[in-house]
Amino acid sequence: MGIKIKMMPTSPDVDLEKIKQEAKNLVEQDNGKNREYEEEPIAFGLKAVIAFFEWPEEKELEEIEEKLKNIENVKSIQIIDMRKIA
């Protein structure tokens, strides 16, 4: 299953590369497969990290959601897309 999650940092000064790297590590540890990580401008210099990865259908999505929420300097996360990948 392909999952796209928006991760909002706590401030514009946060190192987004650290957030991306930590997210990639967490996805791989849970048998997910990283696809794409990009930054999306929000407002006033604030950028969100958009994480796109494959997630095993037999695993609960809540597992990775909880881990991503707990990354240092991540204020919130939101699933913005979820689809079956052939």
N, C-alpha and C. Protein backbone atom coordinates (compact mmCIF):
# COMPACT_ATOMS: atom_id res chain seq x y z
N MET A 1 0.84 -1.16 0.00
CA MET A 1 0.00 0.00 0.00
C MET A 1 0.89 1.24 0.00
N GLY A 2 0.56 2.22 -0.82
CA GLY A 2 1.31 3.47 -0.85
C GLY A 2 0.70 4.48 0.11
N ILE A 3 1.52 5.05 0.95
CA ILE A 3 1.07 6.00 1.97
C ILE A 3 1.80 7.32 1.78
N LYS A 4 1.05 8.41 1.82
CA LYS A 4 1.65 9.75 1.77
C LYS A 4 1.23 10.47 3.04
N ILE A 5 2.22 10.92 3.80
CA ILE A 5 1.97 11.58 5.09
C ILE A 5 2.64 12.95 5.10
N LYS A 6 1.89 13.95 5.56
CA LYS A 6 2.43 15.30 5.74
C LYS A 6 2.86 15.44 7.20
N MET A 7 4.13 15.79 7.40
CA MET A 7 4.66 16.00 8.75
C MET A 7 4.97 17.48 8.92
N MET A 8 4.31 18.10 9.90
CA MET A 8 4.52 19.52 10.17
C MET A 8 5.57 19.70 11.26
N PRO A 9 6.59 20.50 10.99
CA PRO A 9 7.60 20.77 12.02
C PRO A 9 7.09 21.77 13.05
N THR A 10 7.78 21.85 14.16
CA THR A 10 7.39 22.76 15.24
C THR A 10 7.68 24.22 14.90
N SER A 11 8.64 24.48 14.00
CA SER A 11 8.96 25.86 13.62
C SER A 11 9.68 25.87 12.27
N PRO A 12 9.80 27.06 11.64
CA PRO A 12 10.53 27.16 10.37
C PRO A 12 12.03 26.88 10.50
N ASP A 13 12.54 26.92 11.74
CA ASP A 13 13.98 26.76 11.97
C ASP A 13 14.42 25.31 12.11
N VAL A 14 13.50 24.39 12.09
CA VAL A 14 13.81 22.97 12.29
C VAL A 14 14.56 22.43 11.07
N ASP A 15 15.53 21.54 11.32
CA ASP A 15 16.29 20.88 10.25
C ASP A 15 15.42 19.77 9.64
N LEU A 16 14.86 20.04 8.48
CA LEU A 16 13.96 19.08 7.84
C LEU A 16 14.69 17.81 7.38
N GLU A 17 15.98 17.94 7.10
CA GLU A 17 16.74 16.76 6.69
C GLU A 17 16.80 15.73 7.82
N LYS A 18 16.90 16.21 9.06
CA LYS A 18 16.90 15.28 10.21
C LYS A 18 15.56 14.57 10.32
N ILE A 19 14.47 15.31 10.12
CA ILE A 19 13.14 14.70 10.18
C ILE A 19 13.00 13.64 9.08
N LYS A 20 13.43 13.98 7.87
CA LYS A 20 13.34 13.02 6.75
C LYS A 20 14.14 11.76 7.06
N GLN A 21 15.36 11.93 7.55
CA GLN A 21 16.22 10.77 7.82
C GLN A 21 15.62 9.88 8.91
N GLU A 22 15.12 10.49 9.96
CA GLU A 22 14.51 9.72 11.05
C GLU A 22 13.27 8.97 10.54
N ALA A 23 12.46 9.63 9.72
CA ALA A 23 11.26 8.99 9.16
C ALA A 23 11.66 7.81 8.28
N LYS A 24 12.67 8.00 7.44
CA LYS A 24 13.13 6.91 6.57
C LYS A 24 13.59 5.71 7.39
N ASN A 25 14.34 5.98 8.46
CA ASN A 25 14.82 4.90 9.33
C ASN A 25 13.65 4.15 9.96
N LEU A 26 12.65 4.87 10.45
CA LEU A 26 11.50 4.23 11.10
C LEU A 26 10.71 3.38 10.11
N VAL A 27 10.51 3.89 8.90
CA VAL A 27 9.76 3.13 7.88
C VAL A 27 10.49 1.84 7.56
N GLU A 28 11.80 1.91 7.36
CA GLU A 28 12.58 0.71 7.01
C GLU A 28 12.62 -0.29 8.16
N GLN A 29 12.71 0.19 9.40
CA GLN A 29 12.73 -0.70 10.55
C GLN A 29 11.45 -1.52 10.65
N ASP A 30 10.35 -0.97 10.16
CA ASP A 30 9.05 -1.64 10.22
C ASP A 30 8.68 -2.32 8.90
N ASN A 31 9.67 -2.65 8.09
CA ASN A 31 9.49 -3.37 6.83
C ASN A 31 8.76 -2.58 5.76
N GLY A 32 8.77 -1.26 5.88
CA GLY A 32 8.22 -0.41 4.82
C GLY A 32 9.32 -0.15 3.80
N LYS A 33 8.93 0.48 2.69
CA LYS A 33 9.89 0.79 1.64
C LYS A 33 9.77 2.26 1.28
N ASN A 34 10.83 3.02 1.50
CA ASN A 34 10.82 4.45 1.22
C ASN A 34 10.76 4.70 -0.28
N ARG A 35 9.96 5.68 -0.66
CA ARG A 35 9.84 6.06 -2.07
C ARG A 35 10.36 7.48 -2.29
N GLU A 36 9.69 8.46 -1.66
CA GLU A 36 10.00 9.85 -1.97
C GLU A 36 9.74 10.73 -0.75
N TYR A 37 10.63 11.69 -0.53
CA TYR A 37 10.47 12.66 0.56
C TYR A 37 10.70 14.03 -0.05
N GLU A 38 9.73 14.92 0.15
CA GLU A 38 9.89 16.26 -0.40
C GLU A 38 9.41 17.29 0.62
N GLU A 39 9.69 18.54 0.33
CA GLU A 39 9.28 19.63 1.20
C GLU A 39 8.19 20.44 0.50
N GLU A 40 7.17 20.82 1.27
CA GLU A 40 6.07 21.61 0.72
C GLU A 40 5.98 22.92 1.49
N PRO A 41 6.15 24.06 0.81
CA PRO A 41 6.03 25.36 1.48
C PRO A 41 4.61 25.53 2.04
N ILE A 42 4.50 26.02 3.27
CA ILE A 42 3.21 26.25 3.91
C ILE A 42 2.95 27.76 4.00
N ALA A 43 3.69 28.46 4.84
CA ALA A 43 3.54 29.92 4.97
C ALA A 43 4.66 30.46 5.86
N PHE A 44 5.06 31.69 5.60
CA PHE A 44 6.04 32.39 6.43
C PHE A 44 7.32 31.59 6.66
N GLY A 45 7.80 30.92 5.62
CA GLY A 45 9.03 30.15 5.74
C GLY A 45 8.86 28.75 6.29
N LEU A 46 7.67 28.41 6.74
CA LEU A 46 7.41 27.07 7.27
C LEU A 46 7.22 26.09 6.12
N LYS A 47 7.87 24.95 6.21
CA LYS A 47 7.72 23.91 5.19
C LYS A 47 7.36 22.59 5.88
N ALA A 48 6.48 21.83 5.23
CA ALA A 48 6.12 20.50 5.72
C ALA A 48 6.94 19.47 4.97
N VAL A 49 7.17 18.33 5.60
CA VAL A 49 7.81 17.20 4.93
C VAL A 49 6.69 16.28 4.45
N ILE A 50 6.72 15.96 3.15
CA ILE A 50 5.76 15.02 2.58
C ILE A 50 6.51 13.70 2.37
N ALA A 51 6.11 12.69 3.13
CA ALA A 51 6.76 11.38 3.06
C ALA A 51 5.87 10.43 2.26
N PHE A 52 6.46 9.78 1.27
CA PHE A 52 5.73 8.78 0.47
C PHE A 52 6.48 7.46 0.60
N PHE A 53 5.78 6.44 1.09
CA PHE A 53 6.42 5.14 1.27
C PHE A 53 5.42 4.01 1.09
N GLU A 54 5.95 2.82 0.86
CA GLU A 54 5.11 1.62 0.77
C GLU A 54 5.02 1.01 2.16
N TRP A 55 3.82 0.55 2.51
CA TRP A 55 3.58 -0.03 3.82
C TRP A 55 2.92 -1.39 3.64
N PRO A 56 3.42 -2.44 4.35
CA PRO A 56 2.80 -3.76 4.21
C PRO A 56 1.34 -3.74 4.64
N GLU A 57 0.46 -4.28 3.80
CA GLU A 57 -0.98 -4.24 4.08
C GLU A 57 -1.36 -4.99 5.35
N GLU A 58 -0.57 -5.99 5.71
CA GLU A 58 -0.92 -6.78 6.89
C GLU A 58 -0.56 -6.07 8.20
N LYS A 59 0.18 -4.97 8.12
CA LYS A 59 0.57 -4.23 9.33
C LYS A 59 -0.38 -3.06 9.57
N GLU A 60 -0.61 -2.79 10.84
CA GLU A 60 -1.45 -1.65 11.22
C GLU A 60 -0.73 -0.34 10.89
N LEU A 61 -1.43 0.56 10.25
CA LEU A 61 -0.85 1.86 9.90
C LEU A 61 -0.61 2.71 11.15
N GLU A 62 -1.40 2.47 12.19
CA GLU A 62 -1.26 3.24 13.42
C GLU A 62 0.14 3.09 14.03
N GLU A 63 0.78 1.94 13.80
CA GLU A 63 2.14 1.71 14.33
C GLU A 63 3.09 2.80 13.84
N ILE A 64 3.14 2.99 12.53
CA ILE A 64 4.09 3.95 11.97
C ILE A 64 3.62 5.38 12.23
N GLU A 65 2.31 5.61 12.25
CA GLU A 65 1.80 6.95 12.56
C GLU A 65 2.31 7.42 13.92
N GLU A 66 2.20 6.55 14.90
CA GLU A 66 2.61 6.89 16.26
C GLU A 66 4.11 7.20 16.32
N LYS A 67 4.91 6.39 15.63
CA LYS A 67 6.36 6.61 15.62
C LYS A 67 6.73 7.92 14.93
N LEU A 68 6.07 8.22 13.81
CA LEU A 68 6.37 9.46 13.09
C LEU A 68 5.97 10.68 13.92
N LYS A 69 4.87 10.59 14.66
CA LYS A 69 4.42 11.68 15.53
C LYS A 69 5.44 12.00 16.60
N ASN A 70 6.20 10.98 17.01
CA ASN A 70 7.15 11.14 18.11
C ASN A 70 8.55 11.55 17.68
N ILE A 71 8.74 11.81 16.40
CA ILE A 71 10.04 12.32 15.94
C ILE A 71 10.24 13.71 16.54
N GLU A 72 11.45 13.96 17.00
CA GLU A 72 11.76 15.26 17.59
C GLU A 72 11.47 16.38 16.59
N ASN A 73 10.84 17.45 17.07
CA ASN A 73 10.49 18.64 16.29
C ASN A 73 9.37 18.43 15.27
N VAL A 74 8.63 17.32 15.37
CA VAL A 74 7.43 17.14 14.54
C VAL A 74 6.23 17.52 15.39
N LYS A 75 5.48 18.51 14.92
CA LYS A 75 4.32 19.01 15.65
C LYS A 75 3.10 18.13 15.41
N SER A 76 2.89 17.73 14.14
CA SER A 76 1.72 16.91 13.81
C SER A 76 1.97 16.16 12.51
N ILE A 77 1.17 15.12 12.29
CA ILE A 77 1.21 14.39 11.02
C ILE A 77 -0.21 14.22 10.52
N GLN A 78 -0.33 14.05 9.21
CA GLN A 78 -1.64 13.85 8.61
C GLN A 78 -1.47 12.96 7.38
N ILE A 79 -2.28 11.90 7.31
CA ILE A 79 -2.27 11.07 6.11
C ILE A 79 -2.99 11.84 5.01
N ILE A 80 -2.32 12.07 3.89
CA ILE A 80 -2.95 12.84 2.81
C ILE A 80 -3.29 11.98 1.60
N ASP A 81 -2.76 10.76 1.56
CA ASP A 81 -3.10 9.85 0.47
C ASP A 81 -2.77 8.43 0.87
N MET A 82 -3.62 7.52 0.44
CA MET A 82 -3.39 6.09 0.71
C MET A 82 -3.99 5.34 -0.46
N ARG A 83 -3.16 4.50 -1.11
CA ARG A 83 -3.67 3.75 -2.27
C ARG A 83 -2.93 2.44 -2.44
N LYS A 84 -3.59 1.53 -3.09
CA LYS A 84 -3.01 0.24 -3.38
C LYS A 84 -1.98 0.40 -4.51
N ILE A 85 -0.83 -0.20 -4.33
CA ILE A 85 0.22 -0.16 -5.36
C ILE A 85 0.31 -1.54 -5.99
N ALA A 86 0.20 -1.58 -7.29
CA ALA A 86 0.25 -2.89 -7.99
C ALA A 86 1.67 -3.33 -8.19
